[in-house]
């Protein structure tokens, strides 16, 4: 449906619902107005291209629903070579754990947790991890598996199996990417993000108590250590985007963020994201600023990305947060 038709249909349906509610009283639930998020830039400068120095927090009283997307960068069609090699120049570590992180040791293993017609879900226990948390992960009606540091979701499309989503249960970090163009192999991740009750433990974390995954349709249900929860539905995995629909089981309250975008920025041409594009409402024009120029803004839609190629993770996707809403219904 064309954009103008969608707007007209939405407006007509809204007016009809409001008219019926006025006529028949409380027979229909109240319609929730779209919400805004307060986006704050807490980025610190660095010269190390392998350090997450970028932090954008998203907060907003009453927010219960939002969407997170990984979108192909606008310049993707103009590049032929994807630069994915790590760059540890100007870093005080060289491929190992960050020197300030604890190093809890584990017996490494890799386990296929689900292998169906659409999805392969793999769990990995790493030899070392910076947090000791042991989070049980259940697939469908299966027995819970504890100790997984990295959950990988692979999409099966056209005879190919491509990774599109990863989640670190022990600290709550997510990464998502669209299915890559054929010339880029498996593609690369860039920015990561957190969703849920964000806390500080040396860096931002979300403490997850348990994870339950339903393979069909694919959804990831989280219980957090503070007793709240979230349902994360995988709305789409395609070459255009990977999209997650997130519903918190209770409205966001307080000043702590409900999501944090984490990334790397050294210079505009050496960054996993270098600019912020946002709308204050769904229908206002998009504004764009370079990362260093952003302080605090109010957004109904915000995209963290790049408009010029970077020499670091060149094909890595932009990350967009949108559809903030105070209703628990979709």
C-alpha atoms as a PDB file:
ATOM      1  CA  UNK A   1       0.000   0.000   0.000  1.00  0.00           C
ATOM      2  CA  UNK A   2       1.450   3.446  -0.939  1.00  0.00           C
ATOM      3  CA  UNK A   3       2.547   5.654   1.926  1.00  0.00           C
ATOM      4  CA  UNK A   4      -0.238   8.228   1.412  1.00  0.00           C
ATOM      5  CA  UNK A   5      -2.847   5.474   1.350  1.00  0.00           C
ATOM      6  CA  UNK A   6      -1.472   3.966   4.546  1.00  0.00           C
ATOM      7  CA  UNK A   7      -1.685   7.363   6.272  1.00  0.00           C
ATOM      8  CA  UNK A   8      -5.265   7.893   5.048  1.00  0.00           C
ATOM      9  CA  UNK A   9      -6.313   4.393   6.077  1.00  0.00           C
ATOM     10  CA  UNK A  10      -4.737   4.841   9.519  1.00  0.00           C
ATOM     11  CA  UNK A  11      -6.432   8.226   9.988  1.00  0.00           C
ATOM     12  CA  UNK A  12      -9.809   6.870   8.862  1.00  0.00           C
ATOM     13  CA  UNK A  13      -9.543   3.850  11.157  1.00  0.00           C
ATOM     14  CA  UNK A  14      -8.536   6.045  14.078  1.00  0.00           C
ATOM     15  CA  UNK A  15     -11.429   8.447  13.507  1.00  0.00           C
ATOM     16  CA  UNK A  16     -13.871   5.524  13.199  1.00  0.00           C
ATOM     17  CA  UNK A  17     -12.575   3.980  16.449  1.00  0.00           C
ATOM     18  CA  UNK A  18     -12.814   7.278  18.300  1.00  0.00           C
ATOM     19  CA  UNK A  19     -16.327   7.885  16.985  1.00  0.00           C
ATOM     20  CA  UNK A  20     -17.484   4.431  18.076  1.00  0.00           C
ATOM     21  CA  UNK A  21     -15.892   4.898  21.485  1.00  0.00           C
ATOM     22  CA  UNK A  22     -17.713   8.188  21.912  1.00  0.00           C
ATOM     23  CA  UNK A  23     -20.987   6.605  20.843  1.00  0.00           C
ATOM     24  CA  UNK A  24     -20.785   3.410  22.896  1.00  0.00           C
ATOM     25  CA  UNK A  25     -18.701   4.555  25.858  1.00  0.00           C
ATOM     26  CA  UNK A  26     -15.868   2.315  27.044  1.00  0.00           C
ATOM     27  CA  UNK A  27     -16.482  -0.586  24.706  1.00  0.00           C
ATOM     28  CA  UNK A  28     -13.159  -0.015  22.905  1.00  0.00           C
ATOM     29  CA  UNK A  29      -9.699   0.276  24.487  1.00  0.00           C
ATOM     30  CA  UNK A  30      -8.056   3.681  24.477  1.00  0.00           C
ATOM     31  CA  UNK A  31      -5.695   4.311  21.577  1.00  0.00           C
ATOM     32  CA  UNK A  32      -2.126   4.987  22.715  1.00  0.00           C
ATOM     33  CA  UNK A  33      -0.387   7.990  21.210  1.00  0.00           C
ATOM     34  CA  UNK A  34       3.035   7.401  19.645  1.00  0.00           C
ATOM     35  CA  UNK A  35       5.789   8.275  22.093  1.00  0.00           C
ATOM     36  CA  UNK A  36       9.194   9.897  21.886  1.00  0.00           C
ATOM     37  CA  UNK A  37      12.498   8.726  23.309  1.00  0.00           C
ATOM     38  CA  UNK A  38      15.087  10.984  24.873  1.00  0.00           C
ATOM     39  CA  UNK A  39      18.401  10.173  23.185  1.00  0.00           C
ATOM     40  CA  UNK A  40      21.562  11.209  25.021  1.00  0.00           C
ATOM     41  CA  UNK A  41      25.102  11.024  23.651  1.00  0.00           C
ATOM     42  CA  UNK A  42      27.576   9.707  26.255  1.00  0.00           C
ATOM     43  CA  UNK A  43      30.378   8.993  23.768  1.00  0.00           C
ATOM     44  CA  UNK A  44      33.981   9.308  24.909  1.00  0.00           C
ATOM     45  CA  UNK A  45      36.885   9.928  22.492  1.00  0.00           C
ATOM     46  CA  UNK A  46      39.264   7.109  21.587  1.00  0.00           C
ATOM     47  CA  UNK A  47      42.003   6.342  19.053  1.00  0.00           C
ATOM     48  CA  UNK A  48      41.398   2.571  19.241  1.00  0.00           C
ATOM     49  CA  UNK A  49      39.116   1.206  16.507  1.00  0.00           C
ATOM     50  CA  UNK A  50      38.303  -1.956  18.511  1.00  0.00           C
ATOM     51  CA  UNK A  51      36.884  -0.234  21.571  1.00  0.00           C
ATOM     52  CA  UNK A  52      33.201   0.560  22.130  1.00  0.00           C
ATOM     53  CA  UNK A  53      33.538   4.206  23.065  1.00  0.00           C
ATOM     54  CA  UNK A  54      30.120   5.229  21.683  1.00  0.00           C
ATOM     55  CA  UNK A  55      27.076   5.147  23.962  1.00  0.00           C
ATOM     56  CA  UNK A  56      23.673   6.583  23.099  1.00  0.00           C
ATOM     57  CA  UNK A  57      21.038   6.030  25.767  1.00  0.00           C
ATOM     58  CA  UNK A  58      17.303   5.904  24.990  1.00  0.00           C
ATOM     59  CA  UNK A  59      14.831   6.638  27.757  1.00  0.00           C
ATOM     60  CA  UNK A  60      11.187   7.664  27.978  1.00  0.00           C
ATOM     61  CA  UNK A  61       8.511   7.440  30.627  1.00  0.00           C
ATOM     62  CA  UNK A  62       5.779   4.935  29.799  1.00  0.00           C
ATOM     63  CA  UNK A  63       7.431   3.378  26.737  1.00  0.00           C
ATOM     64  CA  UNK A  64       6.441  -0.287  26.352  1.00  0.00           C
ATOM     65  CA  UNK A  65       6.937  -1.019  22.677  1.00  0.00           C
ATOM     66  CA  UNK A  66       9.496  -0.168  20.015  1.00  0.00           C
ATOM     67  CA  UNK A  67      11.181  -1.607  16.954  1.00  0.00           C
ATOM     68  CA  UNK A  68      14.905  -2.119  16.333  1.00  0.00           C
ATOM     69  CA  UNK A  69      16.179  -2.577  12.780  1.00  0.00           C
ATOM     70  CA  UNK A  70      19.502  -3.267  11.120  1.00  0.00           C
ATOM     71  CA  UNK A  71      19.460  -1.521   7.739  1.00  0.00           C
ATOM     72  CA  UNK A  72      21.924  -1.618   4.881  1.00  0.00           C
ATOM     73  CA  UNK A  73      24.063   1.552   4.729  1.00  0.00           C
ATOM     74  CA  UNK A  74      22.997   3.972   2.012  1.00  0.00           C
ATOM     75  CA  UNK A  75      26.328   3.664   0.196  1.00  0.00           C
ATOM     76  CA  UNK A  76      26.299  -0.157  -0.009  1.00  0.00           C
ATOM     77  CA  UNK A  77      25.873  -0.257  -3.792  1.00  0.00           C
ATOM     78  CA  UNK A  78      28.974   1.887  -4.346  1.00  0.00           C
ATOM     79  CA  UNK A  79      31.496  -0.391  -2.625  1.00  0.00           C
ATOM     80  CA  UNK A  80      33.028  -3.593  -3.938  1.00  0.00           C
ATOM     81  CA  UNK A  81      35.445  -4.421  -1.100  1.00  0.00           C
ATOM     82  CA  UNK A  82      34.309  -4.998   2.450  1.00  0.00           C
ATOM     83  CA  UNK A  83      37.031  -4.091   4.945  1.00  0.00           C
ATOM     84  CA  UNK A  84      36.483  -6.336   7.948  1.00  0.00           C
ATOM     85  CA  UNK A  85      39.949  -6.972   9.411  1.00  0.00           C
ATOM     86  CA  UNK A  86      40.404  -5.805  13.042  1.00  0.00           C
ATOM     87  CA  UNK A  87      42.568  -2.763  13.639  1.00  0.00           C
ATOM     88  CA  UNK A  88      44.411  -2.843  16.967  1.00  0.00           C
ATOM     89  CA  UNK A  89      46.662   0.123  16.229  1.00  0.00           C
ATOM     90  CA  UNK A  90      46.456   2.711  19.032  1.00  0.00           C
ATOM     91  CA  UNK A  91      44.913   0.037  21.313  1.00  0.00           C
ATOM     92  CA  UNK A  92      46.362  -1.243  24.582  1.00  0.00           C
ATOM     93  CA  UNK A  93      45.339  -4.824  23.736  1.00  0.00           C
ATOM     94  CA  UNK A  94      45.866  -7.023  20.709  1.00  0.00           C
ATOM     95  CA  UNK A  95      43.026  -9.376  19.955  1.00  0.00           C
ATOM     96  CA  UNK A  96      42.611 -10.735  23.483  1.00  0.00           C
ATOM     97  CA  UNK A  97      40.379  -9.645  26.326  1.00  0.00           C
ATOM     98  CA  UNK A  98      40.396  -5.993  27.246  1.00  0.00           C
ATOM     99  CA  UNK A  99      43.032  -5.503  29.993  1.00  0.00           C
ATOM    100  CA  UNK A 100      40.528  -3.912  32.385  1.00  0.00           C
ATOM    101  CA  UNK A 101      38.032  -6.806  32.114  1.00  0.00           C
ATOM    102  CA  UNK A 102      37.878  -9.741  34.525  1.00  0.00           C
ATOM    103  CA  UNK A 103      38.642 -13.079  32.833  1.00  0.00           C
ATOM    104  CA  UNK A 104      36.342 -15.815  34.130  1.00  0.00           C
ATOM    105  CA  UNK A 105      37.337 -19.180  32.641  1.00  0.00           C
ATOM    106  CA  UNK A 106      35.035 -21.829  31.209  1.00  0.00           C
ATOM    107  CA  UNK A 107      35.225 -25.124  29.316  1.00  0.00           C
ATOM    108  CA  UNK A 108      34.473 -24.102  25.718  1.00  0.00           C
ATOM    109  CA  UNK A 109      31.824 -25.885  23.685  1.00  0.00           C
ATOM    110  CA  UNK A 110      29.494 -25.291  20.752  1.00  0.00           C
ATOM    111  CA  UNK A 111      26.006 -26.791  20.691  1.00  0.00           C
ATOM    112  CA  UNK A 112      23.290 -26.705  18.025  1.00  0.00           C
ATOM    113  CA  UNK A 113      20.183 -25.916  20.047  1.00  0.00           C
ATOM    114  CA  UNK A 114      17.707 -25.929  17.134  1.00  0.00           C
ATOM    115  CA  UNK A 115      17.975 -26.834  13.447  1.00  0.00           C
ATOM    116  CA  UNK A 116      14.673 -26.368  11.635  1.00  0.00           C
ATOM    117  CA  UNK A 117      13.549 -25.425   8.114  1.00  0.00           C
ATOM    118  CA  UNK A 118      13.935 -21.672   8.707  1.00  0.00           C
ATOM    119  CA  UNK A 119      16.402 -21.252  11.544  1.00  0.00           C
ATOM    120  CA  UNK A 120      19.522 -22.750  13.039  1.00  0.00           C
ATOM    121  CA  UNK A 121      20.197 -21.631  16.607  1.00  0.00           C
ATOM    122  CA  UNK A 122      23.652 -22.271  18.041  1.00  0.00           C
ATOM    123  CA  UNK A 123      24.936 -21.748  21.569  1.00  0.00           C
ATOM    124  CA  UNK A 124      28.612 -21.203  22.365  1.00  0.00           C
ATOM    125  CA  UNK A 125      30.464 -21.323  25.663  1.00  0.00           C
ATOM    126  CA  UNK A 126      33.634 -19.247  25.327  1.00  0.00           C
ATOM    127  CA  UNK A 127      36.929 -20.075  27.058  1.00  0.00           C
ATOM    128  CA  UNK A 128      36.840 -16.758  28.900  1.00  0.00           C
ATOM    129  CA  UNK A 129      34.163 -14.140  29.489  1.00  0.00           C
ATOM    130  CA  UNK A 130      34.197 -10.913  31.454  1.00  0.00           C
ATOM    131  CA  UNK A 131      31.137 -11.784  33.557  1.00  0.00           C
ATOM    132  CA  UNK A 132      30.396 -14.997  35.500  1.00  0.00           C
ATOM    133  CA  UNK A 133      26.610 -14.911  34.951  1.00  0.00           C
ATOM    134  CA  UNK A 134      24.989 -18.258  34.050  1.00  0.00           C
ATOM    135  CA  UNK A 135      21.715 -17.720  32.163  1.00  0.00           C
ATOM    136  CA  UNK A 136      19.433 -20.696  31.341  1.00  0.00           C
ATOM    137  CA  UNK A 137      18.308 -20.818  27.711  1.00  0.00           C
ATOM    138  CA  UNK A 138      15.289 -22.918  26.666  1.00  0.00           C
ATOM    139  CA  UNK A 139      14.283 -23.680  23.063  1.00  0.00           C
ATOM    140  CA  UNK A 140      10.593 -24.546  22.723  1.00  0.00           C
ATOM    141  CA  UNK A 141       9.686 -27.301  25.184  1.00  0.00           C
ATOM    142  CA  UNK A 142      13.263 -28.521  25.516  1.00  0.00           C
ATOM    143  CA  UNK A 143      15.352 -28.663  28.652  1.00  0.00           C
ATOM    144  CA  UNK A 144      17.163 -25.451  29.619  1.00  0.00           C
ATOM    145  CA  UNK A 145      20.841 -25.128  28.733  1.00  0.00           C
ATOM    146  CA  UNK A 146      22.960 -23.066  31.114  1.00  0.00           C
ATOM    147  CA  UNK A 147      26.225 -21.221  30.620  1.00  0.00           C
ATOM    148  CA  UNK A 148      25.819 -20.055  27.007  1.00  0.00           C
ATOM    149  CA  UNK A 149      27.860 -16.909  26.318  1.00  0.00           C
ATOM    150  CA  UNK A 150      26.842 -16.433  22.698  1.00  0.00           C
ATOM    151  CA  UNK A 151      23.523 -17.274  21.040  1.00  0.00           C
ATOM    152  CA  UNK A 152      23.648 -17.247  17.236  1.00  0.00           C
ATOM    153  CA  UNK A 153      20.574 -17.238  14.977  1.00  0.00           C
ATOM    154  CA  UNK A 154      21.181 -18.315  11.378  1.00  0.00           C
ATOM    155  CA  UNK A 155      18.537 -17.769   8.690  1.00  0.00           C
ATOM    156  CA  UNK A 156      18.075 -20.399   5.988  1.00  0.00           C
ATOM    157  CA  UNK A 157      17.251 -18.706   2.705  1.00  0.00           C
ATOM    158  CA  UNK A 158      17.623 -20.063  -0.823  1.00  0.00           C
ATOM    159  CA  UNK A 159      19.947 -22.862   0.178  1.00  0.00           C
ATOM    160  CA  UNK A 160      22.215 -20.559   2.183  1.00  0.00           C
ATOM    161  CA  UNK A 161      22.638 -20.423   5.944  1.00  0.00           C
ATOM    162  CA  UNK A 162      23.578 -16.915   7.106  1.00  0.00           C
ATOM    163  CA  UNK A 163      23.973 -15.523  10.601  1.00  0.00           C
ATOM    164  CA  UNK A 164      21.657 -12.564  11.239  1.00  0.00           C
ATOM    165  CA  UNK A 165      21.405 -12.157  15.017  1.00  0.00           C
ATOM    166  CA  UNK A 166      23.526 -12.768  18.094  1.00  0.00           C
ATOM    167  CA  UNK A 167      22.764 -12.277  21.778  1.00  0.00           C
ATOM    168  CA  UNK A 168      25.179 -12.466  24.703  1.00  0.00           C
ATOM    169  CA  UNK A 169      23.037 -13.740  27.614  1.00  0.00           C
ATOM    170  CA  UNK A 170      25.575 -12.945  30.338  1.00  0.00           C
ATOM    171  CA  UNK A 171      25.664  -9.182  29.687  1.00  0.00           C
ATOM    172  CA  UNK A 172      22.605  -8.568  27.487  1.00  0.00           C
ATOM    173  CA  UNK A 173      24.305  -7.324  24.308  1.00  0.00           C
ATOM    174  CA  UNK A 174      22.619  -7.827  20.916  1.00  0.00           C
ATOM    175  CA  UNK A 175      23.906  -7.543  17.368  1.00  0.00           C
ATOM    176  CA  UNK A 176      21.767  -7.831  14.238  1.00  0.00           C
ATOM    177  CA  UNK A 177      22.422  -7.468  10.515  1.00  0.00           C
ATOM    178  CA  UNK A 178      20.507  -7.936   7.264  1.00  0.00           C
ATOM    179  CA  UNK A 179      21.336 -10.877   5.063  1.00  0.00           C
ATOM    180  CA  UNK A 180      24.441  -9.795   3.138  1.00  0.00           C
ATOM    181  CA  UNK A 181      24.863  -9.092  -0.537  1.00  0.00           C
ATOM    182  CA  UNK A 182      26.452 -12.139  -2.203  1.00  0.00           C
ATOM    183  CA  UNK A 183      29.740 -10.324  -2.828  1.00  0.00           C
ATOM    184  CA  UNK A 184      30.228  -9.765   0.917  1.00  0.00           C
ATOM    185  CA  UNK A 185      30.158 -13.405   2.060  1.00  0.00           C
ATOM    186  CA  UNK A 186      28.582 -13.617   5.517  1.00  0.00           C
ATOM    187  CA  UNK A 187      28.712  -9.839   6.057  1.00  0.00           C
ATOM    188  CA  UNK A 188      29.760  -8.144   9.276  1.00  0.00           C
ATOM    189  CA  UNK A 189      28.193  -6.702  12.388  1.00  0.00           C
ATOM    190  CA  UNK A 190      28.930  -3.193  13.572  1.00  0.00           C
ATOM    191  CA  UNK A 191      27.107  -1.457  16.393  1.00  0.00           C
ATOM    192  CA  UNK A 192      25.561  -3.450  19.240  1.00  0.00           C
ATOM    193  CA  UNK A 193      22.717  -2.558  21.591  1.00  0.00           C
ATOM    194  CA  UNK A 194      21.086  -3.372  24.913  1.00  0.00           C
ATOM    195  CA  UNK A 195      17.347  -3.606  25.645  1.00  0.00           C
ATOM    196  CA  UNK A 196      15.629  -3.788  29.015  1.00  0.00           C
ATOM    197  CA  UNK A 197      16.585  -2.503  32.482  1.00  0.00           C
ATOM    198  CA  UNK A 198      20.064  -1.123  31.773  1.00  0.00           C
ATOM    199  CA  UNK A 199      22.537  -1.026  34.649  1.00  0.00           C
ATOM    200  CA  UNK A 200      26.211  -0.106  35.020  1.00  0.00           C
ATOM    201  CA  UNK A 201      28.849  -2.756  35.721  1.00  0.00           C
ATOM    202  CA  UNK A 202      32.029  -1.219  34.356  1.00  0.00           C
ATOM    203  CA  UNK A 203      30.018  -0.582  31.194  1.00  0.00           C
ATOM    204  CA  UNK A 204      26.282  -0.730  30.437  1.00  0.00           C
ATOM    205  CA  UNK A 205      24.733  -4.181  30.906  1.00  0.00           C
ATOM    206  CA  UNK A 206      21.323  -5.814  31.131  1.00  0.00           C
ATOM    207  CA  UNK A 207      21.067  -8.606  33.692  1.00  0.00           C
ATOM    208  CA  UNK A 208      19.028 -11.433  32.144  1.00  0.00           C
ATOM    209  CA  UNK A 209      17.629 -14.143  34.426  1.00  0.00           C
ATOM    210  CA  UNK A 210      16.391 -16.551  31.715  1.00  0.00           C
ATOM    211  CA  UNK A 211      15.730 -16.807  27.981  1.00  0.00           C
ATOM    212  CA  UNK A 212      12.942 -18.802  26.274  1.00  0.00           C
ATOM    213  CA  UNK A 213      13.014 -19.062  22.462  1.00  0.00           C
ATOM    214  CA  UNK A 214      10.033 -20.070  20.334  1.00  0.00           C
ATOM    215  CA  UNK A 215      11.286 -21.151  16.885  1.00  0.00           C
ATOM    216  CA  UNK A 216       8.034 -20.728  14.933  1.00  0.00           C
ATOM    217  CA  UNK A 217       7.295 -17.899  14.632  1.00  0.00           C
ATOM    218  CA  UNK A 218      10.679 -16.886  15.962  1.00  0.00           C
ATOM    219  CA  UNK A 219      10.526 -14.958  19.221  1.00  0.00           C
ATOM    220  CA  UNK A 220      12.899 -14.509  22.143  1.00  0.00           C
ATOM    221  CA  UNK A 221      11.321 -14.010  25.546  1.00  0.00           C
ATOM    222  CA  UNK A 222      13.478 -12.525  28.285  1.00  0.00           C
ATOM    223  CA  UNK A 223      13.078 -12.496  32.045  1.00  0.00           C
ATOM    224  CA  UNK A 224      15.283  -9.931  33.732  1.00  0.00           C
ATOM    225  CA  UNK A 225      16.902 -10.117  37.135  1.00  0.00           C
ATOM    226  CA  UNK A 226      14.639  -7.334  38.452  1.00  0.00           C
ATOM    227  CA  UNK A 227      11.519  -9.457  37.763  1.00  0.00           C
ATOM    228  CA  UNK A 228      10.368  -7.705  34.585  1.00  0.00           C
ATOM    229  CA  UNK A 229      10.397  -9.186  31.104  1.00  0.00           C
ATOM    230  CA  UNK A 230      10.312  -8.514  27.386  1.00  0.00           C
ATOM    231  CA  UNK A 231       9.061 -10.294  24.273  1.00  0.00           C
ATOM    232  CA  UNK A 232      11.269  -9.857  21.196  1.00  0.00           C
ATOM    233  CA  UNK A 233       9.596 -10.959  17.965  1.00  0.00           C
ATOM    234  CA  UNK A 234      11.741 -11.393  14.875  1.00  0.00           C
ATOM    235  CA  UNK A 235       9.567  -9.507  12.408  1.00  0.00           C
ATOM    236  CA  UNK A 236      11.831  -9.812   9.359  1.00  0.00           C
ATOM    237  CA  UNK A 237      15.200 -11.111   8.246  1.00  0.00           C
ATOM    238  CA  UNK A 238      15.943 -10.213   4.629  1.00  0.00           C
ATOM    239  CA  UNK A 239      18.595  -8.594   2.438  1.00  0.00           C
ATOM    240  CA  UNK A 240      16.958  -5.249   3.154  1.00  0.00           C
ATOM    241  CA  UNK A 241      16.760  -5.422   6.934  1.00  0.00           C
ATOM    242  CA  UNK A 242      16.552  -7.438  10.108  1.00  0.00           C
ATOM    243  CA  UNK A 243      13.764  -6.126  12.345  1.00  0.00           C
ATOM    244  CA  UNK A 244      12.848  -6.885  15.956  1.00  0.00           C
ATOM    245  CA  UNK A 245       9.526  -5.898  17.554  1.00  0.00           C
ATOM    246  CA  UNK A 246      10.076  -5.418  21.281  1.00  0.00           C
ATOM    247  CA  UNK A 247       7.329  -5.376  23.928  1.00  0.00           C
ATOM    248  CA  UNK A 248       8.210  -4.719  27.565  1.00  0.00           C
ATOM    249  CA  UNK A 249       5.845  -6.362  30.051  1.00  0.00           C
ATOM    250  CA  UNK A 250       5.577  -3.161  32.071  1.00  0.00           C
ATOM    251  CA  UNK A 251       5.922   0.530  31.167  1.00  0.00           C
ATOM    252  CA  UNK A 252       9.383   2.005  31.407  1.00  0.00           C
ATOM    253  CA  UNK A 253       9.781   4.225  34.457  1.00  0.00           C
ATOM    254  CA  UNK A 254      12.516   6.328  36.015  1.00  0.00           C
ATOM    255  CA  UNK A 255      15.506   7.905  34.355  1.00  0.00           C
ATOM    256  CA  UNK A 256      17.508   4.759  33.526  1.00  0.00           C
ATOM    257  CA  UNK A 257      17.445   3.929  29.796  1.00  0.00           C
ATOM    258  CA  UNK A 258      15.375   1.136  28.267  1.00  0.00           C
ATOM    259  CA  UNK A 259      17.936   0.765  25.456  1.00  0.00           C
ATOM    260  CA  UNK A 260      21.538   1.737  24.728  1.00  0.00           C
ATOM    261  CA  UNK A 261      23.300   1.877  21.363  1.00  0.00           C
ATOM    262  CA  UNK A 262      26.984   0.907  21.661  1.00  0.00           C
ATOM    263  CA  UNK A 263      29.484   1.439  18.874  1.00  0.00           C
ATOM    264  CA  UNK A 264      32.920   2.703  17.816  1.00  0.00           C
ATOM    265  CA  UNK A 265      33.938   6.103  16.488  1.00  0.00           C
ATOM    266  CA  UNK A 266      37.483   7.360  15.896  1.00  0.00           C
ATOM    267  CA  UNK A 267      36.977   9.573  12.838  1.00  0.00           C
ATOM    268  CA  UNK A 268      34.134   9.827  10.283  1.00  0.00           C
ATOM    269  CA  UNK A 269      35.965   7.405   7.952  1.00  0.00           C
ATOM    270  CA  UNK A 270      36.948   5.029  10.778  1.00  0.00           C
ATOM    271  CA  UNK A 271      33.731   4.294  12.624  1.00  0.00           C
ATOM    272  CA  UNK A 272      30.929   1.756  12.928  1.00  0.00           C
ATOM    273  CA  UNK A 273      28.557   4.733  13.112  1.00  0.00           C
ATOM    274  CA  UNK A 274      29.384   8.366  12.474  1.00  0.00           C
ATOM    275  CA  UNK A 275      26.105  10.281  12.366  1.00  0.00           C
ATOM    276  CA  UNK A 276      22.621  10.412  13.847  1.00  0.00           C
ATOM    277  CA  UNK A 277      19.449  10.914  11.783  1.00  0.00           C
ATOM    278  CA  UNK A 278      16.134  11.434  13.561  1.00  0.00           C
ATOM    279  CA  UNK A 279      12.550  12.633  13.361  1.00  0.00           C
ATOM    280  CA  UNK A 280      10.823  14.363  16.256  1.00  0.00           C
ATOM    281  CA  UNK A 281       7.480  12.860  15.100  1.00  0.00           C
ATOM    282  CA  UNK A 282       6.613  10.300  12.450  1.00  0.00           C
ATOM    283  CA  UNK A 283       5.711  12.982   9.944  1.00  0.00           C
ATOM    284  CA  UNK A 284       8.372  15.651  10.495  1.00  0.00           C
ATOM    285  CA  UNK A 285      11.440  15.923   8.242  1.00  0.00           C
ATOM    286  CA  UNK A 286      14.546  13.947   9.078  1.00  0.00           C
ATOM    287  CA  UNK A 287      17.437  15.850  10.637  1.00  0.00           C
ATOM    288  CA  UNK A 288      21.018  14.576  10.487  1.00  0.00           C
ATOM    289  CA  UNK A 289      24.057  15.563  12.535  1.00  0.00           C
ATOM    290  CA  UNK A 290      27.577  14.148  12.791  1.00  0.00           C
ATOM    291  CA  UNK A 291      28.079  12.153  15.969  1.00  0.00           C
ATOM    292  CA  UNK A 292      30.276  14.733  17.783  1.00  0.00           C
ATOM    293  CA  UNK A 293      27.604  17.433  17.295  1.00  0.00           C
ATOM    294  CA  UNK A 294      24.831  15.469  19.056  1.00  0.00           C
ATOM    295  CA  UNK A 295      24.151  16.039  22.748  1.00  0.00           C
ATOM    296  CA  UNK A 296      20.525  15.318  23.681  1.00  0.00           C
ATOM    297  CA  UNK A 297      17.507  15.070  21.395  1.00  0.00           C
ATOM    298  CA  UNK A 298      13.887  13.910  21.415  1.00  0.00           C
ATOM    299  CA  UNK A 299      12.992  11.431  18.705  1.00  0.00           C
ATOM    300  CA  UNK A 300      10.117   9.308  17.463  1.00  0.00           C
ATOM    301  CA  UNK A 301      12.566   7.642  15.069  1.00  0.00           C
ATOM    302  CA  UNK A 302      16.369   7.628  15.341  1.00  0.00           C
ATOM    303  CA  UNK A 303      18.966   6.001  13.085  1.00  0.00           C
ATOM    304  CA  UNK A 304      22.619   5.537  14.004  1.00  0.00           C
ATOM    305  CA  UNK A 305      24.639   5.058  10.831  1.00  0.00           C
ATOM    306  CA  UNK A 306      26.973   6.283   8.143  1.00  0.00           C
ATOM    307  CA  UNK A 307      26.462   8.080   4.835  1.00  0.00           C
ATOM    308  CA  UNK A 308      30.081   7.688   3.664  1.00  0.00           C
ATOM    309  CA  UNK A 309      32.106   4.450   3.602  1.00  0.00           C
ATOM    310  CA  UNK A 310      34.307   3.618   6.571  1.00  0.00           C
ATOM    311  CA  UNK A 311      37.578   1.720   6.470  1.00  0.00           C
ATOM    312  CA  UNK A 312      36.293  -0.273   9.447  1.00  0.00           C
ATOM    313  CA  UNK A 313      33.505  -2.867   8.955  1.00  0.00           C
ATOM    314  CA  UNK A 314      32.542  -1.142   5.720  1.00  0.00           C
ATOM    315  CA  UNK A 315      29.312  -3.057   5.037  1.00  0.00           C
ATOM    316  CA  UNK A 316      28.114  -3.058   8.675  1.00  0.00           C
ATOM    317  CA  UNK A 317      24.488  -1.960   9.013  1.00  0.00           C
ATOM    318  CA  UNK A 318      22.910   1.156  10.434  1.00  0.00           C
ATOM    319  CA  UNK A 319      20.783   0.596  13.553  1.00  0.00           C
ATOM    320  CA  UNK A 320      17.383   2.279  13.807  1.00  0.00           C
ATOM    321  CA  UNK A 321      15.008   2.576  16.787  1.00  0.00           C
ATOM    322  CA  UNK A 322      11.420   3.591  16.010  1.00  0.00           C
ATOM    323  CA  UNK A 323       7.706   3.018  16.733  1.00  0.00           C
ATOM    324  CA  UNK A 324       7.997   3.970  20.404  1.00  0.00           C
ATOM    325  CA  UNK A 325       4.612   3.444  22.019  1.00  0.00           C
ATOM    326  CA  UNK A 326       3.095   3.428  25.490  1.00  0.00           C
ATOM    327  CA  UNK A 327       0.676   0.606  24.682  1.00  0.00           C
ATOM    328  CA  UNK A 328       1.372  -3.064  25.304  1.00  0.00           C
ATOM    329  CA  UNK A 329      -0.660  -4.052  22.209  1.00  0.00           C
ATOM    330  CA  UNK A 330       0.504  -4.479  18.646  1.00  0.00           C
END
